[in-house]
Amino acid sequence: MIQGLDLREGAVAVYAGLRSIEGLRTIDDDTLRAMIDAAIAADIAYMENAGVEEGAPYDEDDAFSAISGALRKRFPARKALVASFVDDYLEAWEVYLESVGLIEWD
Protein backbone atom coordinates (compact mmCIF):
# COMPACT_ATOMS: atom_id res chain seq x y z
CA MET A 1 0.00 0.00 0.00
CA ILE A 2 1.21 3.51 -0.69
CA GLN A 3 2.19 5.29 2.50
CA GLY A 4 -0.12 8.24 3.13
CA LEU A 5 -2.89 6.86 0.94
CA ASP A 6 -6.40 7.52 2.21
CA LEU A 7 -8.45 4.71 0.67
CA ARG A 8 -11.79 6.30 1.56
CA GLU A 9 -10.86 9.64 -0.02
CA GLY A 10 -9.40 7.84 -3.01
CA ALA A 11 -12.50 5.71 -3.46
CA VAL A 12 -14.69 8.84 -3.46
CA ALA A 13 -12.45 10.45 -6.09
CA VAL A 14 -12.42 7.28 -8.19
CA TYR A 15 -16.22 7.03 -7.95
CA ALA A 16 -16.59 10.64 -9.14
CA GLY A 17 -14.20 10.02 -12.02
CA LEU A 18 -15.93 6.82 -13.08
CA ARG A 19 -19.45 8.23 -12.69
CA SER A 20 -18.60 10.93 -15.24
CA ILE A 21 -17.72 8.40 -17.97
CA GLU A 22 -20.46 8.07 -20.55
CA GLY A 23 -20.26 4.27 -20.84
CA LEU A 24 -20.65 3.80 -17.10
CA ARG A 25 -23.66 6.06 -16.63
CA THR A 26 -26.03 3.16 -17.26
CA ILE A 27 -24.74 1.32 -14.18
CA ASP A 28 -26.78 2.04 -11.07
CA ASP A 29 -24.96 3.61 -8.11
CA ASP A 30 -25.05 0.51 -5.90
CA THR A 31 -23.52 -1.68 -8.61
CA LEU A 32 -20.88 0.91 -9.50
CA ARG A 33 -19.89 1.29 -5.84
CA ALA A 34 -19.76 -2.50 -5.46
CA MET A 35 -17.56 -2.77 -8.56
CA ILE A 36 -15.23 -0.08 -7.24
CA ASP A 37 -15.04 -1.78 -3.83
CA ALA A 38 -14.27 -5.12 -5.50
CA ALA A 39 -11.65 -3.50 -7.75
CA ILE A 40 -9.97 -1.86 -4.75
CA ALA A 41 -9.92 -5.16 -2.86
CA ALA A 42 -8.41 -6.96 -5.88
CA ASP A 43 -5.90 -4.14 -6.39
CA ILE A 44 -4.80 -4.32 -2.75
CA ALA A 45 -4.50 -8.11 -2.98
CA TYR A 46 -2.37 -7.72 -6.11
CA MET A 47 -0.10 -5.18 -4.38
CA GLU A 48 0.31 -7.40 -1.32
CA ASN A 49 1.12 -10.46 -3.45
CA ALA A 50 3.53 -8.51 -5.66
CA GLY A 51 5.34 -6.94 -2.70
CA VAL A 52 4.63 -3.36 -3.77
CA GLU A 53 4.76 -2.09 -0.19
CA GLU A 54 8.23 -3.61 0.17
CA GLY A 55 9.44 -1.71 -2.88
CA ALA A 56 8.52 -3.95 -5.80
CA PRO A 57 7.22 -2.03 -8.81
CA TYR A 58 3.50 -1.74 -9.45
CA ASP A 59 3.03 -3.53 -12.77
CA GLU A 60 -0.10 -2.08 -14.32
CA ASP A 61 -0.52 -5.04 -16.70
CA ASP A 62 -0.41 -7.54 -13.82
CA ALA A 63 -2.74 -5.36 -11.75
CA PHE A 64 -5.12 -5.12 -14.71
CA SER A 65 -5.20 -8.91 -15.02
CA ALA A 66 -5.77 -9.44 -11.30
CA ILE A 67 -8.52 -6.84 -11.04
CA SER A 68 -10.22 -7.96 -14.26
CA GLY A 69 -10.26 -11.58 -13.15
CA ALA A 70 -11.77 -10.71 -9.79
CA LEU A 71 -14.46 -8.53 -11.36
CA ARG A 72 -15.39 -11.11 -14.00
CA LYS A 73 -15.98 -13.65 -11.21
CA ARG A 74 -17.91 -11.26 -8.98
CA PHE A 75 -19.97 -9.57 -11.72
CA PRO A 76 -20.55 -12.18 -14.45
CA ALA A 77 -23.40 -10.13 -15.94
CA ARG A 78 -20.93 -7.27 -16.54
CA LYS A 79 -18.16 -9.31 -18.25
CA ALA A 80 -18.39 -7.27 -21.46
CA LEU A 81 -17.79 -4.08 -19.48
CA VAL A 82 -14.94 -5.27 -17.25
CA ALA A 83 -11.94 -4.44 -19.46
CA SER A 84 -12.98 -0.86 -20.11
CA PHE A 85 -14.06 -0.44 -16.48
CA VAL A 86 -10.65 -1.58 -15.20
CA ASP A 87 -8.86 0.73 -17.64
CA ASP A 88 -10.98 3.63 -16.40
CA TYR A 89 -10.54 2.56 -12.76
CA LEU A 90 -6.74 2.50 -13.06
CA GLU A 91 -6.76 5.87 -14.82
CA ALA A 92 -8.99 7.39 -12.12
CA TRP A 93 -6.59 6.16 -9.42
CA GLU A 94 -3.63 7.65 -11.28
CA VAL A 95 -5.39 11.00 -11.50
CA TYR A 96 -6.22 10.91 -7.80
CA LEU A 97 -2.74 9.79 -6.68
CA GLU A 98 -1.10 12.47 -8.79
CA SER A 99 -3.49 15.14 -7.46
CA VAL A 100 -2.50 14.40 -3.85
CA GLY A 101 1.19 14.15 -4.65
CA LEU A 102 1.60 10.42 -4.07
CA ILE A 103 2.97 9.66 -7.52
CA GLU A 104 5.03 11.62 -10.00
CA TRP A 105 5.90 10.96 -13.61
CA ASP A 106 9.48 11.37 -14.74
C-alpha atoms as a PDB file:
ATOM      1  CA  MET A   1       0.000   0.000   0.000  1.00  0.00           C
ATOM      2  CA  ILE A   2       1.207   3.506  -0.691  1.00  0.00           C
ATOM      3  CA  GLN A   3       2.190   5.291   2.497  1.00  0.00           C
ATOM      4  CA  GLY A   4      -0.116   8.242   3.126  1.00  0.00           C
ATOM      5  CA  LEU A   5      -2.892   6.864   0.942  1.00  0.00           C
ATOM      6  CA  ASP A   6      -6.403   7.519   2.212  1.00  0.00           C
ATOM      7  CA  LEU A   7      -8.455   4.711   0.666  1.00  0.00           C
ATOM      8  CA  ARG A   8     -11.786   6.300   1.555  1.00  0.00           C
ATOM      9  CA  GLU A   9     -10.864   9.643  -0.019  1.00  0.00           C
ATOM     10  CA  GLY A  10      -9.400   7.837  -3.010  1.00  0.00           C
ATOM     11  CA  ALA A  11     -12.505   5.713  -3.461  1.00  0.00           C
ATOM     12  CA  VAL A  12     -14.687   8.839  -3.462  1.00  0.00           C
ATOM     13  CA  ALA A  13     -12.453  10.450  -6.089  1.00  0.00           C
ATOM     14  CA  VAL A  14     -12.420   7.276  -8.190  1.00  0.00           C
ATOM     15  CA  TYR A  15     -16.217   7.029  -7.950  1.00  0.00           C
ATOM     16  CA  ALA A  16     -16.588  10.636  -9.139  1.00  0.00           C
ATOM     17  CA  GLY A  17     -14.203  10.021 -12.020  1.00  0.00           C
ATOM     18  CA  LEU A  18     -15.934   6.824 -13.085  1.00  0.00           C
ATOM     19  CA  ARG A  19     -19.445   8.234 -12.685  1.00  0.00           C
ATOM     20  CA  SER A  20     -18.601  10.932 -15.242  1.00  0.00           C
ATOM     21  CA  ILE A  21     -17.719   8.398 -17.970  1.00  0.00           C
ATOM     22  CA  GLU A  22     -20.464   8.066 -20.547  1.00  0.00           C
ATOM     23  CA  GLY A  23     -20.262   4.269 -20.843  1.00  0.00           C
ATOM     24  CA  LEU A  24     -20.645   3.797 -17.096  1.00  0.00           C
ATOM     25  CA  ARG A  25     -23.664   6.064 -16.627  1.00  0.00           C
ATOM     26  CA  THR A  26     -26.028   3.156 -17.265  1.00  0.00           C
ATOM     27  CA  ILE A  27     -24.741   1.324 -14.176  1.00  0.00           C
ATOM     28  CA  ASP A  28     -26.781   2.037 -11.067  1.00  0.00           C
ATOM     29  CA  ASP A  29     -24.965   3.607  -8.106  1.00  0.00           C
ATOM     30  CA  ASP A  30     -25.049   0.514  -5.895  1.00  0.00           C
ATOM     31  CA  THR A  31     -23.524  -1.675  -8.608  1.00  0.00           C
ATOM     32  CA  LEU A  32     -20.881   0.913  -9.499  1.00  0.00           C
ATOM     33  CA  ARG A  33     -19.892   1.286  -5.844  1.00  0.00           C
ATOM     34  CA  ALA A  34     -19.756  -2.499  -5.459  1.00  0.00           C
ATOM     35  CA  MET A  35     -17.564  -2.773  -8.564  1.00  0.00           C
ATOM     36  CA  ILE A  36     -15.225  -0.076  -7.238  1.00  0.00           C
ATOM     37  CA  ASP A  37     -15.036  -1.780  -3.826  1.00  0.00           C
ATOM     38  CA  ALA A  38     -14.267  -5.120  -5.501  1.00  0.00           C
ATOM     39  CA  ALA A  39     -11.653  -3.500  -7.750  1.00  0.00           C
ATOM     40  CA  ILE A  40      -9.973  -1.857  -4.748  1.00  0.00           C
ATOM     41  CA  ALA A  41      -9.917  -5.163  -2.859  1.00  0.00           C
ATOM     42  CA  ALA A  42      -8.415  -6.961  -5.880  1.00  0.00           C
ATOM     43  CA  ASP A  43      -5.899  -4.136  -6.388  1.00  0.00           C
ATOM     44  CA  ILE A  44      -4.801  -4.320  -2.745  1.00  0.00           C
ATOM     45  CA  ALA A  45      -4.497  -8.108  -2.980  1.00  0.00           C
ATOM     46  CA  TYR A  46      -2.374  -7.720  -6.114  1.00  0.00           C
ATOM     47  CA  MET A  47      -0.099  -5.179  -4.381  1.00  0.00           C
ATOM     48  CA  GLU A  48       0.306  -7.404  -1.323  1.00  0.00           C
ATOM     49  CA  ASN A  49       1.121 -10.463  -3.454  1.00  0.00           C
ATOM     50  CA  ALA A  50       3.529  -8.512  -5.660  1.00  0.00           C
ATOM     51  CA  GLY A  51       5.343  -6.935  -2.695  1.00  0.00           C
ATOM     52  CA  VAL A  52       4.632  -3.362  -3.771  1.00  0.00           C
ATOM     53  CA  GLU A  53       4.756  -2.087  -0.193  1.00  0.00           C
ATOM     54  CA  GLU A  54       8.225  -3.608   0.171  1.00  0.00           C
ATOM     55  CA  GLY A  55       9.436  -1.709  -2.876  1.00  0.00           C
ATOM     56  CA  ALA A  56       8.519  -3.950  -5.801  1.00  0.00           C
ATOM     57  CA  PRO A  57       7.217  -2.028  -8.808  1.00  0.00           C
ATOM     58  CA  TYR A  58       3.505  -1.744  -9.455  1.00  0.00           C
ATOM     59  CA  ASP A  59       3.033  -3.528 -12.773  1.00  0.00           C
ATOM     60  CA  GLU A  60      -0.105  -2.080 -14.319  1.00  0.00           C
ATOM     61  CA  ASP A  61      -0.520  -5.036 -16.700  1.00  0.00           C
ATOM     62  CA  ASP A  62      -0.411  -7.537 -13.822  1.00  0.00           C
ATOM     63  CA  ALA A  63      -2.740  -5.361 -11.754  1.00  0.00           C
ATOM     64  CA  PHE A  64      -5.124  -5.116 -14.714  1.00  0.00           C
ATOM     65  CA  SER A  65      -5.204  -8.911 -15.018  1.00  0.00           C
ATOM     66  CA  ALA A  66      -5.765  -9.443 -11.300  1.00  0.00           C
ATOM     67  CA  ILE A  67      -8.520  -6.837 -11.045  1.00  0.00           C
ATOM     68  CA  SER A  68     -10.220  -7.956 -14.260  1.00  0.00           C
ATOM     69  CA  GLY A  69     -10.260 -11.578 -13.148  1.00  0.00           C
ATOM     70  CA  ALA A  70     -11.770 -10.707  -9.793  1.00  0.00           C
ATOM     71  CA  LEU A  71     -14.460  -8.532 -11.361  1.00  0.00           C
ATOM     72  CA  ARG A  72     -15.390 -11.111 -13.996  1.00  0.00           C
ATOM     73  CA  LYS A  73     -15.980 -13.646 -11.209  1.00  0.00           C
ATOM     74  CA  ARG A  74     -17.911 -11.255  -8.977  1.00  0.00           C
ATOM     75  CA  PHE A  75     -19.971  -9.574 -11.721  1.00  0.00           C
ATOM     76  CA  PRO A  76     -20.551 -12.177 -14.446  1.00  0.00           C
ATOM     77  CA  ALA A  77     -23.399 -10.130 -15.945  1.00  0.00           C
ATOM     78  CA  ARG A  78     -20.932  -7.272 -16.541  1.00  0.00           C
ATOM     79  CA  LYS A  79     -18.162  -9.309 -18.253  1.00  0.00           C
ATOM     80  CA  ALA A  80     -18.392  -7.269 -21.463  1.00  0.00           C
ATOM     81  CA  LEU A  81     -17.794  -4.079 -19.482  1.00  0.00           C
ATOM     82  CA  VAL A  82     -14.942  -5.269 -17.246  1.00  0.00           C
ATOM     83  CA  ALA A  83     -11.940  -4.443 -19.459  1.00  0.00           C
ATOM     84  CA  SER A  84     -12.985  -0.858 -20.107  1.00  0.00           C
ATOM     85  CA  PHE A  85     -14.063  -0.443 -16.476  1.00  0.00           C
ATOM     86  CA  VAL A  86     -10.652  -1.584 -15.202  1.00  0.00           C
ATOM     87  CA  ASP A  87      -8.861   0.733 -17.642  1.00  0.00           C
ATOM     88  CA  ASP A  88     -10.980   3.628 -16.398  1.00  0.00           C
ATOM     89  CA  TYR A  89     -10.538   2.557 -12.760  1.00  0.00           C
ATOM     90  CA  LEU A  90      -6.735   2.497 -13.060  1.00  0.00           C
ATOM     91  CA  GLU A  91      -6.757   5.874 -14.823  1.00  0.00           C
ATOM     92  CA  ALA A  92      -8.993   7.387 -12.125  1.00  0.00           C
ATOM     93  CA  TRP A  93      -6.592   6.164  -9.420  1.00  0.00           C
ATOM     94  CA  GLU A  94      -3.626   7.648 -11.283  1.00  0.00           C
ATOM     95  CA  VAL A  95      -5.391  11.004 -11.497  1.00  0.00           C
ATOM     96  CA  TYR A  96      -6.224  10.914  -7.797  1.00  0.00           C
ATOM     97  CA  LEU A  97      -2.743   9.789  -6.685  1.00  0.00           C
ATOM     98  CA  GLU A  98      -1.098  12.470  -8.794  1.00  0.00           C
ATOM     99  CA  SER A  99      -3.494  15.138  -7.458  1.00  0.00           C
ATOM    100  CA  VAL A 100      -2.503  14.401  -3.850  1.00  0.00           C
ATOM    101  CA  GLY A 101       1.193  14.154  -4.654  1.00  0.00           C
ATOM    102  CA  LEU A 102       1.597  10.416  -4.065  1.00  0.00           C
ATOM    103  CA  ILE A 103       2.974   9.665  -7.523  1.00  0.00           C
ATOM    104  CA  GLU A 104       5.033  11.623  -9.997  1.00  0.00           C
ATOM    105  CA  TRP A 105       5.897  10.965 -13.608  1.00  0.00           C
ATOM    106  CA  ASP A 106       9.481  11.374 -14.742  1.00  0.00           C
END
